[in-house]
Amino acid sequence: MNKNIVITGATSGISKEFAKLFVSKGDSLLLISRDEEKLHNLCLQFEGKKSAQHYRYIQADLSKPDEAKRVCSELNGEKIDILINNAGFGMTGAFADADISQIEKMMVLNMFSLTLLTKAAVKQMVKQKHGFILNVASVASFMPNPFGNVYAATKAYVRSFSEALSEELKGTGVFVSVLCPGPTKTNFGERSNMNQTKVFSGKVMLPETVVKIAYREMMSHRIEIIPGMQNRLTVRLSKVFPKSFVLKVTARQLKL
């Protein structure tokens, strides 16, 4: 059965792999990103593969509150079967030296816009009595991250919000999952400067692998999805060792 899929941050990384996956399943896509040229080209690429389906886009910079509100207004009344909330970015470096305007954009994008889009989808999905929402957090959401403190805090919000909402929506036919990937081979590492840290010096997962696991677990109604044995081990150890030890190790991993 053809589904209507909404994906944010759709032109690269994990989001783009999700888009490819849903195209292969014959679903219709509504893609959201700030780069209109890439959105247009991606839709044209998909049309050549599955011309019977619909591939549309909304150009919007979700790091701006008004843009997020505009997108939610455009989604009003749309049939949404699956929402992939993946738009976001990170920052690495000393908090004292950070650009406050970039911090503001990151907080708006990672938390405010994600929350608004989730609200818009939930309202429609509850009426439909079915739907799936996948909000993308991070392994960083499980522990404080010196030199990546605000980013980790935004992802902790995403994880907490998503887990609580999943319980709240029980019995409605709407399922909420939170994806917590570790280092992944996307442009995230370069944009956040994290690829210059020890975090990206080890094993890095491919986005298509992350997406394959995430889709399977989401459709199985799993709430918390941590792809990769190494990432699951990292989370487990962060809960076992004293917080002071975890902070020191994380600081060494993230210090530029």
Protein backbone atom coordinates (compact mmCIF):
# COMPACT_ATOMS: atom_id res chain seq x y z
CA MET A 1 0.00 0.00 0.00
CA ASN A 2 1.36 3.39 -1.03
CA LYS A 3 2.30 5.59 1.93
CA ASN A 4 2.81 9.34 2.23
CA ILE A 5 6.21 10.11 3.72
CA VAL A 6 7.51 13.45 5.01
CA ILE A 7 11.28 13.78 5.47
CA THR A 8 13.20 16.79 6.82
CA GLY A 9 16.83 17.51 5.95
CA ALA A 10 16.04 15.43 2.88
CA THR A 11 18.90 16.22 0.50
CA SER A 12 21.79 14.48 2.25
CA GLY A 13 22.97 11.83 4.69
CA ILE A 14 20.52 9.67 6.60
CA SER A 15 17.49 11.56 5.28
CA LYS A 16 18.50 11.02 1.66
CA GLU A 17 18.97 7.31 2.30
CA PHE A 18 15.52 7.17 3.86
CA ALA A 19 14.12 8.87 0.75
CA LYS A 20 15.78 6.27 -1.50
CA LEU A 21 14.39 3.46 0.66
CA PHE A 22 10.82 4.75 0.47
CA VAL A 23 11.11 5.31 -3.29
CA SER A 24 12.12 1.66 -3.66
CA LYS A 25 8.92 0.72 -1.80
CA GLY A 26 6.75 2.80 -4.11
CA ASP A 27 5.81 5.45 -1.55
CA SER A 28 5.07 9.13 -2.19
CA LEU A 29 7.45 11.69 -0.72
CA LEU A 30 7.25 15.23 0.58
CA LEU A 31 10.83 16.38 1.08
CA ILE A 32 11.84 19.38 3.22
CA SER A 33 15.20 21.10 3.07
CA ARG A 34 16.71 24.57 2.73
CA ASP A 35 18.44 23.83 -0.62
CA GLU A 36 15.80 24.17 -3.34
CA GLU A 37 18.08 23.18 -6.20
CA LYS A 38 19.02 19.90 -4.52
CA LEU A 39 15.37 19.24 -3.65
CA HIS A 40 14.30 19.81 -7.24
CA ASN A 41 17.04 17.58 -8.65
CA LEU A 42 16.30 14.82 -6.16
CA CYS A 43 12.61 14.80 -7.07
CA LEU A 44 13.50 14.64 -10.76
CA GLN A 45 15.83 11.73 -10.06
CA PHE A 46 13.08 9.85 -8.25
CA GLU A 47 10.48 10.62 -10.92
CA GLY A 48 12.66 8.78 -13.41
CA LYS A 49 12.48 5.63 -11.27
CA LYS A 50 8.87 5.60 -10.07
CA SER A 51 6.91 8.01 -12.24
CA ALA A 52 3.55 6.77 -10.95
CA GLN A 53 4.21 8.17 -7.48
CA HIS A 54 4.34 11.76 -6.29
CA TYR A 55 7.55 13.50 -5.24
CA ARG A 56 7.12 17.00 -3.90
CA TYR A 57 9.18 19.35 -1.80
CA ILE A 58 8.97 22.36 0.48
CA GLN A 59 11.98 24.65 0.57
CA ALA A 60 12.48 25.95 4.11
CA ASP A 61 15.26 26.80 6.54
CA LEU A 62 14.02 25.10 9.70
CA SER A 63 16.64 26.88 11.82
CA LYS A 64 14.27 29.87 11.59
CA PRO A 65 11.12 29.64 13.76
CA ASP A 66 8.89 31.37 11.21
CA GLU A 67 9.97 28.94 8.51
CA ALA A 68 9.08 25.99 10.74
CA LYS A 69 5.65 27.51 11.39
CA ARG A 70 5.14 28.03 7.64
CA VAL A 71 5.95 24.39 6.92
CA CYS A 72 3.51 23.23 9.60
CA SER A 73 0.83 25.42 8.03
CA GLU A 74 1.49 23.85 4.62
CA LEU A 75 1.26 20.38 6.16
CA ASN A 76 -2.15 21.13 7.66
CA GLY A 77 -4.62 18.56 6.34
CA GLU A 78 -1.93 16.48 4.60
CA LYS A 79 -2.22 12.72 4.95
CA ILE A 80 1.03 11.70 6.64
CA ASP A 81 1.82 8.04 7.21
CA ILE A 82 5.45 8.44 8.25
CA LEU A 83 7.43 11.48 9.42
CA ILE A 84 11.23 11.30 9.49
CA ASN A 85 12.45 14.25 11.58
CA ASN A 86 16.17 14.32 10.79
CA ALA A 87 17.02 17.96 10.01
CA GLY A 88 19.67 19.12 12.46
CA PHE A 89 23.31 20.04 12.91
CA GLY A 90 25.99 19.97 15.58
CA MET A 91 28.84 22.12 16.88
CA THR A 92 32.18 21.11 18.40
CA GLY A 93 34.55 23.33 20.34
CA ALA A 94 34.90 25.37 23.51
CA PHE A 95 31.58 26.86 24.61
CA ALA A 96 33.30 30.15 25.52
CA ASP A 97 34.35 30.61 21.88
CA ALA A 98 31.09 29.48 20.27
CA ASP A 99 29.08 31.75 17.97
CA ILE A 100 25.85 32.46 19.87
CA SER A 101 23.89 32.95 16.63
CA GLN A 102 24.88 29.42 15.53
CA ILE A 103 23.90 28.05 18.94
CA GLU A 104 20.49 29.68 18.57
CA LYS A 105 19.99 28.20 15.08
CA MET A 106 21.01 24.77 16.31
CA MET A 107 18.59 24.89 19.24
CA VAL A 108 15.73 26.06 17.02
CA LEU A 109 16.42 23.40 14.38
CA ASN A 110 17.18 20.46 16.66
CA MET A 111 14.40 21.10 19.19
CA PHE A 112 11.81 23.76 18.32
CA SER A 113 11.24 22.85 14.67
CA LEU A 114 11.31 19.12 15.40
CA THR A 115 8.66 19.64 18.09
CA LEU A 116 6.43 21.73 15.82
CA LEU A 117 6.61 19.23 12.98
CA THR A 118 5.92 16.36 15.36
CA LYS A 119 2.87 18.25 16.65
CA ALA A 120 1.57 18.81 13.12
CA ALA A 121 2.03 15.13 12.25
CA VAL A 122 0.54 13.81 15.50
CA LYS A 123 -2.60 15.91 15.07
CA GLN A 124 -3.21 14.42 11.63
CA MET A 125 -2.13 10.87 12.52
CA VAL A 126 -4.41 10.64 15.56
CA LYS A 127 -7.34 11.54 13.29
CA GLN A 128 -6.23 8.83 10.84
CA LYS A 129 -5.68 6.38 13.73
CA HIS A 130 -2.31 5.35 12.33
CA GLY A 131 1.15 6.72 11.68
CA PHE A 132 4.86 6.47 12.47
CA ILE A 133 7.19 9.23 13.65
CA LEU A 134 10.95 8.79 13.76
CA ASN A 135 12.82 11.59 15.52
CA VAL A 136 16.59 11.49 15.12
CA ALA A 137 18.67 12.05 18.26
CA SER A 138 22.19 10.69 18.81
CA VAL A 139 24.30 8.45 21.01
CA ALA A 140 25.42 11.81 22.43
CA SER A 141 21.94 12.16 23.96
CA PHE A 142 22.85 9.62 26.65
CA MET A 143 25.74 11.57 28.20
CA PRO A 144 26.98 15.14 28.71
CA ASN A 145 29.47 16.09 25.98
CA PRO A 146 32.20 18.56 26.97
CA PHE A 147 33.12 20.52 23.80
CA GLY A 148 29.82 19.47 22.28
CA ASN A 149 27.61 20.40 25.21
CA VAL A 150 24.73 22.27 23.57
CA TYR A 151 24.44 19.75 20.73
CA ALA A 152 24.28 16.80 23.14
CA ALA A 153 21.72 18.65 25.26
CA THR A 154 19.47 19.25 22.23
CA LYS A 155 19.61 15.56 21.38
CA ALA A 156 18.86 14.61 24.98
CA TYR A 157 15.72 16.72 24.60
CA VAL A 158 14.78 14.87 21.39
CA ARG A 159 15.21 11.48 23.05
CA SER A 160 13.30 12.39 26.22
CA PHE A 161 10.50 14.08 24.27
CA SER A 162 10.12 11.17 21.85
CA GLU A 163 10.12 8.45 24.52
CA ALA A 164 7.51 10.29 26.60
CA LEU A 165 5.33 10.95 23.55
CA SER A 166 5.45 7.28 22.55
CA GLU A 167 3.85 6.35 25.87
CA GLU A 168 1.32 9.17 25.64
CA LEU A 169 0.13 7.96 22.24
CA LYS A 170 -0.38 4.31 23.16
CA GLY A 171 -3.69 3.03 21.87
CA THR A 172 -4.03 5.73 19.19
CA GLY A 173 -2.40 3.77 16.36
CA VAL A 174 0.46 6.31 16.26
CA PHE A 175 3.96 5.07 17.06
CA VAL A 176 6.95 7.25 17.96
CA SER A 177 10.55 6.05 17.77
CA VAL A 178 13.83 7.82 18.44
CA LEU A 179 16.93 6.96 16.43
CA CYS A 180 20.26 7.38 18.24
CA PRO A 181 23.08 6.83 15.73
CA GLY A 182 26.77 7.18 16.50
CA PRO A 183 29.40 8.43 14.04
CA THR A 184 27.99 8.03 10.53
CA LYS A 185 29.56 8.73 7.15
CA THR A 186 27.61 11.88 6.23
CA ASN A 187 28.45 15.59 5.95
CA PHE A 188 27.50 16.02 9.63
CA GLY A 189 31.07 15.36 10.80
CA GLU A 190 32.52 18.01 8.50
CA ARG A 191 29.91 20.65 9.29
CA SER A 192 30.25 20.17 13.05
CA ASN A 193 34.07 19.85 12.96
CA MET A 194 33.58 16.48 14.66
CA ASN A 195 35.50 14.70 11.91
CA GLN A 196 38.61 16.38 13.35
CA THR A 197 38.09 14.68 16.72
CA LYS A 198 38.75 11.16 18.00
CA VAL A 199 35.03 10.42 17.73
CA PHE A 200 35.38 9.97 13.96
CA SER A 201 38.78 8.25 14.09
CA GLY A 202 37.25 4.83 14.77
CA LYS A 203 34.55 2.84 13.03
CA VAL A 204 32.01 4.97 11.21
CA MET A 205 28.71 3.48 10.06
CA LEU A 206 27.36 3.95 6.56
CA PRO A 207 24.07 5.89 6.37
CA GLU A 208 22.38 3.14 4.36
CA THR A 209 23.17 0.67 7.15
CA VAL A 210 21.75 3.01 9.78
CA VAL A 211 18.59 3.51 7.71
CA LYS A 212 18.07 -0.20 7.10
CA ILE A 213 18.22 -0.90 10.86
CA ALA A 214 16.14 2.15 11.75
CA TYR A 215 13.35 1.30 9.32
CA ARG A 216 13.11 -2.30 10.49
CA GLU A 217 13.04 -1.31 14.16
CA MET A 218 10.59 1.56 13.61
CA MET A 219 8.12 -0.68 11.80
CA SER A 220 8.46 -3.15 14.71
CA HIS A 221 7.33 -0.35 17.06
CA ARG A 222 10.67 -0.16 18.88
CA ILE A 223 10.86 3.11 20.81
CA GLU A 224 14.63 3.49 21.21
CA ILE A 225 16.81 2.54 18.24
CA ILE A 226 20.61 2.43 18.62
CA PRO A 227 22.18 1.04 15.44
CA GLY A 228 25.48 -0.82 15.71
CA MET A 229 27.01 -2.96 18.45
CA GLN A 230 29.73 -0.40 19.23
CA ASN A 231 27.15 2.34 19.75
CA ARG A 232 25.04 0.14 22.01
CA LEU A 233 28.14 -0.73 24.03
CA THR A 234 29.05 2.97 24.36
CA VAL A 235 25.59 3.74 25.75
CA ARG A 236 25.69 0.79 28.13
CA LEU A 237 29.11 1.74 29.51
CA SER A 238 28.07 5.38 29.95
CA LYS A 239 25.41 4.16 32.38
CA VAL A 240 27.80 1.90 34.32
CA PHE A 241 30.84 4.10 34.86
CA PRO A 242 30.85 7.12 37.24
CA LYS A 243 29.76 10.39 35.63
CA SER A 244 33.17 11.98 36.40
CA PHE A 245 34.90 9.25 34.36
CA VAL A 246 32.42 9.53 31.48
CA LEU A 247 32.94 13.30 31.34
CA LYS A 248 36.74 12.94 31.15
CA VAL A 249 36.58 10.31 28.41
CA THR A 250 34.03 12.30 26.39
CA ALA A 251 36.10 15.47 26.70
CA ARG A 252 39.17 13.68 25.34
CA GLN A 253 37.14 12.29 22.45
CA LEU A 254 35.68 15.66 21.45
CA LYS A 255 38.47 18.13 22.16
CA LEU A 256 39.82 19.60 18.93
